[in-house]
C-alpha atoms as a PDB file:
ATOM      1  CA  MET A   1      61.458 -52.644  -0.229  1.00  0.00           C
ATOM      2  CA  SER A   2      59.238 -55.090  -1.859  1.00  0.00           C
ATOM      3  CA  THR A   3      57.589 -54.153  -4.828  1.00  0.00           C
ATOM      4  CA  PRO A   4      53.589 -54.265  -5.141  1.00  0.00           C
ATOM      5  CA  GLY A   5      52.470 -57.942  -6.075  1.00  0.00           C
ATOM      6  CA  ARG A   6      56.001 -59.115  -6.233  1.00  0.00           C
ATOM      7  CA  SER A   7      55.324 -62.173  -3.727  1.00  0.00           C
ATOM      8  CA  LEU A   8      52.305 -63.089  -5.505  1.00  0.00           C
ATOM      9  CA  ALA A   9      53.950 -62.988  -8.732  1.00  0.00           C
ATOM     10  CA  THR A  10      56.823 -65.014  -6.976  1.00  0.00           C
ATOM     11  CA  PHE A  11      54.104 -67.769  -5.579  1.00  0.00           C
ATOM     12  CA  ALA A  12      52.537 -68.027  -9.091  1.00  0.00           C
ATOM     13  CA  VAL A  13      55.760 -68.853 -10.780  1.00  0.00           C
ATOM     14  CA  GLY A  14      57.096 -71.329  -8.140  1.00  0.00           C
ATOM     15  CA  PHE A  15      53.590 -72.899  -8.018  1.00  0.00           C
ATOM     16  CA  LEU A  16      53.658 -73.246 -12.054  1.00  0.00           C
ATOM     17  CA  LEU A  17      57.000 -74.625 -12.040  1.00  0.00           C
ATOM     18  CA  LEU A  18      56.329 -77.149  -9.103  1.00  0.00           C
ATOM     19  CA  ASP A  19      53.353 -78.267 -11.449  1.00  0.00           C
ATOM     20  CA  ALA A  20      55.084 -78.284 -14.641  1.00  0.00           C
ATOM     21  CA  VAL A  21      57.997 -80.567 -12.964  1.00  0.00           C
ATOM     22  CA  LEU A  22      55.445 -82.911 -11.324  1.00  0.00           C
ATOM     23  CA  LEU A  23      53.287 -83.271 -14.423  1.00  0.00           C
ATOM     24  CA  VAL A  24      56.249 -83.893 -16.917  1.00  0.00           C
ATOM     25  CA  TRP A  25      57.802 -86.535 -14.330  1.00  0.00           C
ATOM     26  CA  ALA A  26      54.150 -88.106 -13.894  1.00  0.00           C
ATOM     27  CA  GLY A  27      53.837 -88.048 -17.701  1.00  0.00           C
ATOM     28  CA  VAL A  28      57.037 -89.758 -18.172  1.00  0.00           C
ATOM     29  CA  ASP A  29      56.574 -92.346 -15.330  1.00  0.00           C
ATOM     30  CA  LEU A  30      52.929 -93.370 -16.667  1.00  0.00           C
ATOM     31  CA  ARG A  31      53.832 -92.883 -20.505  1.00  0.00           C
ATOM     32  CA  ARG A  32      51.025 -90.214 -20.820  1.00  0.00           C
ATOM     33  CA  THR A  33      51.762 -87.865 -23.128  1.00  0.00           C
ATOM     34  CA  GLY A  34      48.814 -85.423 -21.876  1.00  0.00           C
ATOM     35  CA  LEU A  35      50.205 -85.150 -18.764  1.00  0.00           C
ATOM     36  CA  VAL A  36      53.708 -84.340 -20.441  1.00  0.00           C
ATOM     37  CA  VAL A  37      51.894 -81.332 -22.433  1.00  0.00           C
ATOM     38  CA  GLY A  38      50.397 -80.062 -19.277  1.00  0.00           C
ATOM     39  CA  GLY A  39      53.643 -79.852 -17.675  1.00  0.00           C
ATOM     40  CA  VAL A  40      55.282 -77.856 -20.746  1.00  0.00           C
ATOM     41  CA  LEU A  41      52.200 -75.691 -20.687  1.00  0.00           C
ATOM     42  CA  CYS A  42      52.854 -75.073 -17.005  1.00  0.00           C
ATOM     43  CA  ALA A  43      56.425 -74.045 -17.622  1.00  0.00           C
ATOM     44  CA  LEU A  44      55.260 -71.616 -20.655  1.00  0.00           C
ATOM     45  CA  ALA A  45      52.847 -69.980 -17.954  1.00  0.00           C
ATOM     46  CA  ALA A  46      55.953 -69.493 -15.826  1.00  0.00           C
ATOM     47  CA  VAL A  47      57.849 -67.981 -18.655  1.00  0.00           C
ATOM     48  CA  ALA A  48      54.762 -65.875 -19.548  1.00  0.00           C
ATOM     49  CA  VAL A  49      54.238 -64.417 -15.820  1.00  0.00           C
ATOM     50  CA  VAL A  50      57.905 -63.541 -15.507  1.00  0.00           C
ATOM     51  CA  ILE A  51      57.633 -61.541 -18.876  1.00  0.00           C
ATOM     52  CA  LEU A  52      54.477 -59.818 -18.036  1.00  0.00           C
ATOM     53  CA  TRP A  53      55.969 -58.976 -14.643  1.00  0.00           C
ATOM     54  CA  ARG A  54      58.791 -57.259 -16.363  1.00  0.00           C
ATOM     55  CA  ARG A  55      56.513 -55.399 -18.479  1.00  0.00           C
ATOM     56  CA  TYR A  56      54.280 -54.358 -15.583  1.00  0.00           C
ATOM     57  CA  ARG A  57      57.280 -53.040 -13.881  1.00  0.00           C
ATOM     58  CA  ARG A  58      58.545 -51.026 -16.720  1.00  0.00           C
ATOM     59  CA  THR A  59      54.853 -49.452 -17.213  1.00  0.00           C
ATOM     60  CA  LEU A  60      54.950 -48.374 -13.570  1.00  0.00           C
ATOM     61  CA  ALA A  61      58.446 -46.917 -14.088  1.00  0.00           C
ATOM     62  CA  ASP A  62      57.457 -44.971 -17.187  1.00  0.00           C
ATOM     63  CA  LEU A  63      54.357 -43.674 -15.250  1.00  0.00           C
ATOM     64  CA  ASP A  64      56.423 -42.492 -12.176  1.00  0.00           C
ATOM     65  CA  ALA A  65      58.590 -40.794 -14.633  1.00  0.00           C
ATOM     66  CA  GLY A  66      55.661 -39.169 -16.263  1.00  0.00           C
ATOM     67  CA  ARG A  67      54.352 -37.936 -13.137  1.00  0.00           C
ATOM     68  CA  ALA A  68      57.655 -36.321 -12.072  1.00  0.00           C
ATOM     69  CA  ASP A  69      58.124 -34.592 -15.466  1.00  0.00           C
ATOM     70  CA  MET A  70      54.407 -33.201 -15.111  1.00  0.00           C
ATOM     71  CA  LYS A  71      55.073 -32.078 -11.576  1.00  0.00           C
ATOM     72  CA  ALA A  72      58.227 -30.069 -12.694  1.00  0.00           C
ATOM     73  CA  GLU A  73      56.284 -28.667 -15.577  1.00  0.00           C
ATOM     74  CA  ALA A  74      53.465 -27.577 -13.326  1.00  0.00           C
ATOM     75  CA  GLU A  75      56.179 -26.140 -10.712  1.00  0.00           C
ATOM     76  CA  ALA A  76      57.831 -24.061 -13.712  1.00  0.00           C
ATOM     77  CA  ILE A  77      54.127 -22.896 -14.784  1.00  0.00           C
ATOM     78  CA  ARG A  78      53.688 -21.599 -11.219  1.00  0.00           C
ATOM     79  CA  ARG A  79      57.297 -20.082 -11.173  1.00  0.00           C
ATOM     80  CA  LEU A  80      56.230 -18.234 -14.438  1.00  0.00           C
ATOM     81  CA  LEU A  81      53.177 -16.617 -12.968  1.00  0.00           C
ATOM     82  CA  ARG A  82      54.590 -15.461  -9.721  1.00  0.00           C
ATOM     83  CA  GLU A  83      57.204 -14.019 -11.604  1.00  0.00           C
ATOM     84  CA  LYS A  84      54.687 -12.269 -14.080  1.00  0.00           C
ATOM     85  CA  HIS A  85      52.341 -11.494 -10.834  1.00  0.00           C
ATOM     86  CA  LEU A  86      49.512 -13.291 -12.256  1.00  0.00           C
ATOM     87  CA  HIS A  87      48.829 -15.326  -9.429  1.00  0.00           C
ATOM     88  CA  ASN A  88      45.561 -15.292  -7.307  1.00  0.00           C
END
């Protein structure tokens, strides 16, 4: 099953890494440090996308766990109210 936005994150990382390689290659070939710096920045941006994607997935997993806990707690309260005949 594909996770939300996974293909977008994969595309972004691939695009940034391609840009990084091409910029560094052009910078070395043309002896222009500005292009090399741009390539390094693109590589760092690709790493940042991966780190932020993992953080996003962890946050979603925490939210799902919290939602399940709240559902279980609500069911326990409903069960308690039924046992005490306090339901409406």
